[in-house]
């Protein structure tokens, strides 16, 4: 299934649960994630993936993804796989979920992820 993500789209992942340190993207997917900033309300991460790069299974609370440099990505969550066309300037809201991501396109992906805290 190919998803053409539009602004402020709501993608429902598996949700629920709390983030365990083993699933923190900064621990298990540090090949793709870079810490930008954190306070009591948000954590901001940058994701940079070259074609073929994968970010191992990890968890995010509710979060917003802003596409800096687009391309094609495969997102696997709860046994379901979606292929997404990401375009620069798009913003997406995603419910809390664990997922694995792979850059399946021919261009570098560059994303900002803003994780929301309760």
N, C-alpha and C. Protein backbone atom coordinates (compact mmCIF):
# COMPACT_ATOMS: atom_id res chain seq x y z
N UNK A 1 0.84 -1.16 0.00
CA UNK A 1 0.00 0.00 0.00
C UNK A 1 0.89 1.24 0.00
N UNK A 2 0.63 2.19 -0.87
CA UNK A 2 1.39 3.43 -0.93
C UNK A 2 0.53 4.54 -0.36
N UNK A 3 1.05 5.26 0.62
CA UNK A 3 0.34 6.37 1.23
C UNK A 3 0.95 7.67 0.73
N UNK A 4 0.13 8.56 0.20
CA UNK A 4 0.58 9.89 -0.13
C UNK A 4 0.20 10.78 1.03
N UNK A 5 1.17 11.10 1.89
CA UNK A 5 0.89 11.84 3.10
C UNK A 5 0.59 13.30 2.79
N UNK A 6 -0.53 13.77 3.27
CA UNK A 6 -0.93 15.16 3.13
C UNK A 6 -0.66 15.85 4.45
N UNK A 7 -0.70 17.18 4.44
CA UNK A 7 -0.47 17.94 5.67
C UNK A 7 -1.39 17.50 6.78
N UNK A 8 -0.82 17.39 7.98
CA UNK A 8 -1.56 17.09 9.18
C UNK A 8 -2.37 15.81 9.08
N UNK A 9 -1.85 14.82 8.42
CA UNK A 9 -2.54 13.54 8.32
C UNK A 9 -2.40 12.78 9.63
N UNK A 10 -3.37 12.00 9.98
CA UNK A 10 -3.34 11.21 11.20
C UNK A 10 -3.14 9.75 10.83
N UNK A 11 -2.01 9.20 11.21
CA UNK A 11 -1.71 7.79 10.96
C UNK A 11 -1.78 7.07 12.28
N UNK A 12 -2.58 6.06 12.35
CA UNK A 12 -2.76 5.33 13.61
C UNK A 12 -1.87 4.12 13.65
N UNK A 13 -0.89 4.15 14.53
CA UNK A 13 -0.02 2.99 14.73
C UNK A 13 -0.60 2.09 15.80
N UNK A 14 0.25 1.28 16.41
CA UNK A 14 -0.25 0.33 17.40
C UNK A 14 -0.58 0.99 18.73
N UNK A 15 0.00 2.15 19.00
CA UNK A 15 -0.33 2.93 20.18
C UNK A 15 -0.06 2.21 21.49
N UNK A 16 -0.40 2.90 22.56
CA UNK A 16 -0.34 2.31 23.89
C UNK A 16 1.06 2.07 24.40
N UNK A 17 1.11 1.75 25.69
CA UNK A 17 2.38 1.39 26.30
C UNK A 17 3.25 2.59 26.59
N UNK A 18 4.30 2.32 27.33
CA UNK A 18 5.25 3.37 27.63
C UNK A 18 6.55 3.07 26.91
N UNK A 19 7.32 4.09 26.70
CA UNK A 19 8.59 3.90 26.02
C UNK A 19 9.58 3.26 26.97
N UNK A 20 10.10 2.12 26.58
CA UNK A 20 11.15 1.51 27.36
C UNK A 20 12.47 1.97 26.78
N UNK A 21 13.49 2.07 27.62
CA UNK A 21 14.77 2.57 27.15
C UNK A 21 15.30 1.77 25.97
N UNK A 22 15.01 0.47 25.94
CA UNK A 22 15.49 -0.36 24.85
C UNK A 22 14.85 0.03 23.52
N UNK A 23 13.70 0.71 23.57
CA UNK A 23 13.03 1.12 22.35
C UNK A 23 13.21 2.60 22.03
N UNK A 24 14.00 3.29 22.81
CA UNK A 24 14.25 4.70 22.55
C UNK A 24 15.04 4.81 21.24
N UNK A 25 14.53 5.59 20.26
CA UNK A 25 15.25 5.69 18.98
C UNK A 25 16.68 6.20 19.14
N UNK A 26 16.93 6.99 20.19
CA UNK A 26 18.29 7.48 20.41
C UNK A 26 19.23 6.37 20.86
N UNK A 27 18.67 5.25 21.31
CA UNK A 27 19.49 4.11 21.74
C UNK A 27 19.58 3.05 20.64
N UNK A 28 18.42 2.67 20.06
CA UNK A 28 18.40 1.54 19.13
C UNK A 28 18.49 1.93 17.66
N UNK A 29 18.31 3.22 17.35
CA UNK A 29 18.39 3.67 15.95
C UNK A 29 19.28 4.89 15.84
N UNK A 30 20.37 4.88 16.63
CA UNK A 30 21.25 6.05 16.65
C UNK A 30 21.98 6.26 15.32
N UNK A 31 21.91 5.27 14.42
CA UNK A 31 22.47 5.46 13.09
C UNK A 31 21.68 6.50 12.28
N UNK A 32 20.41 6.71 12.65
CA UNK A 32 19.54 7.62 11.90
C UNK A 32 19.09 8.84 12.71
N UNK A 33 19.06 8.73 14.03
CA UNK A 33 18.51 9.78 14.89
C UNK A 33 19.59 10.64 15.53
N UNK A 34 19.32 11.95 15.56
CA UNK A 34 20.21 12.91 16.20
C UNK A 34 19.37 13.77 17.15
N UNK A 35 19.83 13.93 18.37
CA UNK A 35 19.14 14.75 19.37
C UNK A 35 19.28 16.22 19.01
N UNK A 36 18.15 16.95 19.06
CA UNK A 36 18.16 18.40 18.81
C UNK A 36 17.94 19.17 20.12
N UNK A 37 16.81 18.87 20.81
CA UNK A 37 16.53 19.54 22.09
C UNK A 37 15.43 18.81 22.82
N UNK A 38 15.31 19.12 24.12
CA UNK A 38 14.26 18.52 24.94
C UNK A 38 13.92 19.45 26.09
N UNK A 39 12.63 19.49 26.44
CA UNK A 39 12.20 20.18 27.65
C UNK A 39 11.07 19.37 28.27
N UNK A 40 10.31 19.96 29.19
CA UNK A 40 9.26 19.19 29.86
C UNK A 40 8.04 18.93 28.99
N UNK A 41 7.97 19.50 27.78
CA UNK A 41 6.80 19.33 26.91
C UNK A 41 7.08 18.57 25.62
N UNK A 42 8.32 18.66 25.09
CA UNK A 42 8.65 18.00 23.82
C UNK A 42 10.09 17.49 23.82
N UNK A 43 10.35 16.54 22.90
CA UNK A 43 11.71 16.15 22.56
C UNK A 43 11.78 16.24 21.04
N UNK A 44 12.80 16.92 20.53
CA UNK A 44 12.95 17.12 19.10
C UNK A 44 14.17 16.33 18.61
N UNK A 45 13.93 15.52 17.57
CA UNK A 45 14.97 14.67 17.00
C UNK A 45 15.04 14.91 15.50
N UNK A 46 16.22 14.78 14.93
CA UNK A 46 16.38 14.83 13.49
C UNK A 46 16.68 13.41 13.00
N UNK A 47 16.04 13.05 11.90
CA UNK A 47 16.25 11.73 11.30
C UNK A 47 16.86 11.95 9.93
N UNK A 48 18.02 11.35 9.70
CA UNK A 48 18.69 11.42 8.40
C UNK A 48 18.99 10.00 7.96
N UNK A 49 18.45 9.63 6.80
CA UNK A 49 18.62 8.27 6.29
C UNK A 49 19.01 8.31 4.81
N UNK A 50 20.08 7.62 4.48
CA UNK A 50 20.48 7.45 3.09
C UNK A 50 19.67 6.30 2.50
N UNK A 51 19.59 6.21 1.17
CA UNK A 51 18.86 5.10 0.56
C UNK A 51 19.37 3.76 1.11
N UNK A 52 18.42 2.90 1.50
CA UNK A 52 18.76 1.59 2.05
C UNK A 52 18.95 1.57 3.56
N UNK A 53 19.11 2.74 4.19
CA UNK A 53 19.27 2.78 5.64
C UNK A 53 18.00 2.33 6.35
N UNK A 54 18.17 1.71 7.52
CA UNK A 54 17.05 1.27 8.35
C UNK A 54 17.21 1.83 9.75
N UNK A 55 16.09 2.15 10.37
CA UNK A 55 16.05 2.51 11.79
C UNK A 55 15.36 1.34 12.48
N UNK A 56 16.08 0.63 13.34
CA UNK A 56 15.55 -0.56 14.02
C UNK A 56 14.27 -0.22 14.79
N UNK A 57 13.52 -1.26 15.13
CA UNK A 57 12.26 -1.10 15.87
C UNK A 57 12.48 -0.20 17.09
N UNK A 58 11.65 0.82 17.19
CA UNK A 58 11.74 1.78 18.29
C UNK A 58 10.36 2.35 18.57
N UNK A 59 10.23 3.10 19.65
CA UNK A 59 8.94 3.63 20.07
C UNK A 59 8.97 5.15 20.15
N UNK A 60 7.84 5.76 19.75
CA UNK A 60 7.62 7.19 19.94
C UNK A 60 6.29 7.37 20.66
N UNK A 61 6.20 8.34 21.58
CA UNK A 61 4.88 8.75 22.05
C UNK A 61 4.19 9.50 20.90
N UNK A 62 3.00 10.05 21.11
CA UNK A 62 2.39 10.87 20.06
C UNK A 62 3.45 11.83 19.54
N UNK A 63 3.50 12.00 18.21
CA UNK A 63 4.56 12.84 17.65
C UNK A 63 4.16 13.45 16.31
N UNK A 64 4.87 14.52 15.98
CA UNK A 64 4.71 15.20 14.70
C UNK A 64 5.99 15.00 13.92
N UNK A 65 5.85 14.68 12.63
CA UNK A 65 6.99 14.54 11.73
C UNK A 65 6.90 15.64 10.70
N UNK A 66 7.99 16.40 10.54
CA UNK A 66 8.07 17.43 9.50
C UNK A 66 9.15 17.02 8.52
N UNK A 67 8.82 16.98 7.23
CA UNK A 67 9.73 16.51 6.19
C UNK A 67 10.58 17.68 5.69
N UNK A 68 11.89 17.60 5.94
CA UNK A 68 12.83 18.59 5.43
C UNK A 68 13.26 18.25 4.01
N UNK A 69 13.57 16.97 3.79
CA UNK A 69 13.96 16.48 2.47
C UNK A 69 13.24 15.15 2.26
N UNK A 70 12.43 15.10 1.23
CA UNK A 70 11.54 13.97 1.03
C UNK A 70 12.13 12.81 0.26
N UNK A 71 11.31 11.77 0.16
CA UNK A 71 11.68 10.55 -0.53
C UNK A 71 10.64 9.48 -0.25
N UNK A 72 11.08 8.26 -0.27
CA UNK A 72 10.18 7.11 -0.09
C UNK A 72 10.64 6.32 1.13
N UNK A 73 9.68 6.00 2.01
CA UNK A 73 10.02 5.26 3.22
C UNK A 73 9.03 4.13 3.45
N UNK A 74 9.53 3.05 4.02
CA UNK A 74 8.69 1.92 4.42
C UNK A 74 8.62 1.93 5.93
N UNK A 75 7.39 1.91 6.46
CA UNK A 75 7.15 1.93 7.90
C UNK A 75 6.45 0.64 8.28
N UNK A 76 7.05 -0.11 9.19
CA UNK A 76 6.46 -1.37 9.65
C UNK A 76 6.10 -1.22 11.12
N UNK A 77 4.81 -1.46 11.43
CA UNK A 77 4.29 -1.33 12.78
C UNK A 77 3.22 -2.39 13.01
N UNK A 78 3.35 -3.14 14.08
CA UNK A 78 2.36 -4.18 14.44
C UNK A 78 2.11 -5.15 13.29
N UNK A 79 3.15 -5.53 12.58
CA UNK A 79 3.02 -6.49 11.49
C UNK A 79 2.46 -5.91 10.21
N UNK A 80 2.14 -4.63 10.18
CA UNK A 80 1.60 -3.97 9.00
C UNK A 80 2.68 -3.08 8.39
N UNK A 81 2.84 -3.15 7.08
CA UNK A 81 3.85 -2.35 6.39
C UNK A 81 3.18 -1.39 5.43
N UNK A 82 3.57 -0.13 5.50
CA UNK A 82 3.08 0.91 4.59
C UNK A 82 4.28 1.57 3.93
N UNK A 83 4.12 1.90 2.64
CA UNK A 83 5.13 2.66 1.92
C UNK A 83 4.60 4.07 1.77
N UNK A 84 5.44 5.04 2.16
CA UNK A 84 5.01 6.43 2.16
C UNK A 84 5.86 7.26 1.21
N UNK A 85 5.21 8.10 0.43
CA UNK A 85 5.89 9.12 -0.36
C UNK A 85 5.91 10.38 0.49
N UNK A 86 7.09 10.82 0.86
CA UNK A 86 7.24 11.98 1.73
C UNK A 86 7.75 13.15 0.91
N UNK A 87 7.07 14.29 1.01
CA UNK A 87 7.46 15.48 0.26
C UNK A 87 7.91 16.58 1.20
N UNK A 88 8.95 17.29 0.82
CA UNK A 88 9.47 18.39 1.64
C UNK A 88 8.33 19.35 1.98
N UNK A 89 8.28 19.77 3.23
CA UNK A 89 7.27 20.70 3.69
C UNK A 89 6.03 20.04 4.27
N UNK A 90 5.92 18.73 4.18
CA UNK A 90 4.77 18.04 4.76
C UNK A 90 4.94 17.90 6.28
N UNK A 91 3.81 17.92 6.96
CA UNK A 91 3.78 17.65 8.40
C UNK A 91 2.74 16.57 8.65
N UNK A 92 3.07 15.63 9.52
CA UNK A 92 2.17 14.53 9.84
C UNK A 92 2.10 14.35 11.34
N UNK A 93 0.91 14.05 11.85
CA UNK A 93 0.75 13.66 13.24
C UNK A 93 0.64 12.15 13.27
N UNK A 94 1.41 11.49 14.14
CA UNK A 94 1.34 10.05 14.31
C UNK A 94 1.06 9.73 15.77
N UNK A 95 0.11 8.83 15.99
CA UNK A 95 -0.18 8.38 17.35
C UNK A 95 1.00 7.60 17.90
N UNK A 96 1.05 7.47 19.21
CA UNK A 96 2.11 6.70 19.87
C UNK A 96 2.19 5.32 19.24
N UNK A 97 3.42 4.88 18.96
CA UNK A 97 3.60 3.60 18.29
C UNK A 97 5.05 3.14 18.33
N UNK A 98 5.22 1.84 18.12
CA UNK A 98 6.53 1.27 17.86
C UNK A 98 6.57 0.95 16.39
N UNK A 99 7.68 1.25 15.74
CA UNK A 99 7.81 0.96 14.32
C UNK A 99 9.28 0.84 13.91
N UNK A 100 9.46 0.28 12.74
CA UNK A 100 10.77 0.21 12.09
C UNK A 100 10.63 0.98 10.79
N UNK A 101 11.66 1.72 10.41
CA UNK A 101 11.61 2.53 9.20
C UNK A 101 12.78 2.19 8.29
N UNK A 102 12.51 2.20 6.99
CA UNK A 102 13.56 1.97 6.00
C UNK A 102 13.41 2.98 4.87
N UNK A 103 14.52 3.58 4.46
CA UNK A 103 14.51 4.47 3.30
C UNK A 103 14.58 3.58 2.06
N UNK A 104 13.44 3.42 1.38
CA UNK A 104 13.37 2.56 0.20
C UNK A 104 13.50 3.35 -1.10
N UNK A 105 13.73 4.65 -0.99
CA UNK A 105 13.86 5.49 -2.18
C UNK A 105 15.29 5.62 -2.65
N UNK A 106 15.48 6.56 -3.56
CA UNK A 106 16.80 6.80 -4.16
C UNK A 106 17.42 8.11 -3.68
N UNK A 107 16.75 8.77 -2.73
CA UNK A 107 17.25 10.04 -2.21
C UNK A 107 17.41 9.96 -0.70
N UNK A 108 18.23 10.84 -0.15
CA UNK A 108 18.37 10.93 1.30
C UNK A 108 17.07 11.47 1.89
N UNK A 109 16.67 10.96 3.05
CA UNK A 109 15.54 11.48 3.80
C UNK A 109 16.06 12.33 4.95
N UNK A 110 15.39 13.44 5.21
CA UNK A 110 15.75 14.31 6.32
C UNK A 110 14.46 14.77 6.97
N UNK A 111 14.24 14.37 8.22
CA UNK A 111 12.98 14.64 8.92
C UNK A 111 13.25 15.24 10.29
N UNK A 112 12.30 16.03 10.78
CA UNK A 112 12.30 16.46 12.17
C UNK A 112 11.15 15.74 12.85
N UNK A 113 11.42 15.16 14.00
CA UNK A 113 10.41 14.45 14.79
C UNK A 113 10.26 15.20 16.10
N UNK A 114 9.03 15.63 16.40
CA UNK A 114 8.73 16.32 17.64
C UNK A 114 7.84 15.41 18.47
N UNK A 115 8.43 14.79 19.49
CA UNK A 115 7.69 13.89 20.38
C UNK A 115 7.00 14.72 21.46
N UNK A 116 5.71 14.45 21.65
CA UNK A 116 4.93 15.20 22.64
C UNK A 116 4.96 14.47 23.97
N UNK A 117 5.08 15.24 25.04
CA UNK A 117 5.05 14.68 26.39
C UNK A 117 3.72 15.04 27.02
N UNK A 118 3.25 14.19 27.90
CA UNK A 118 1.94 14.43 28.56
C UNK A 118 2.09 15.45 29.65
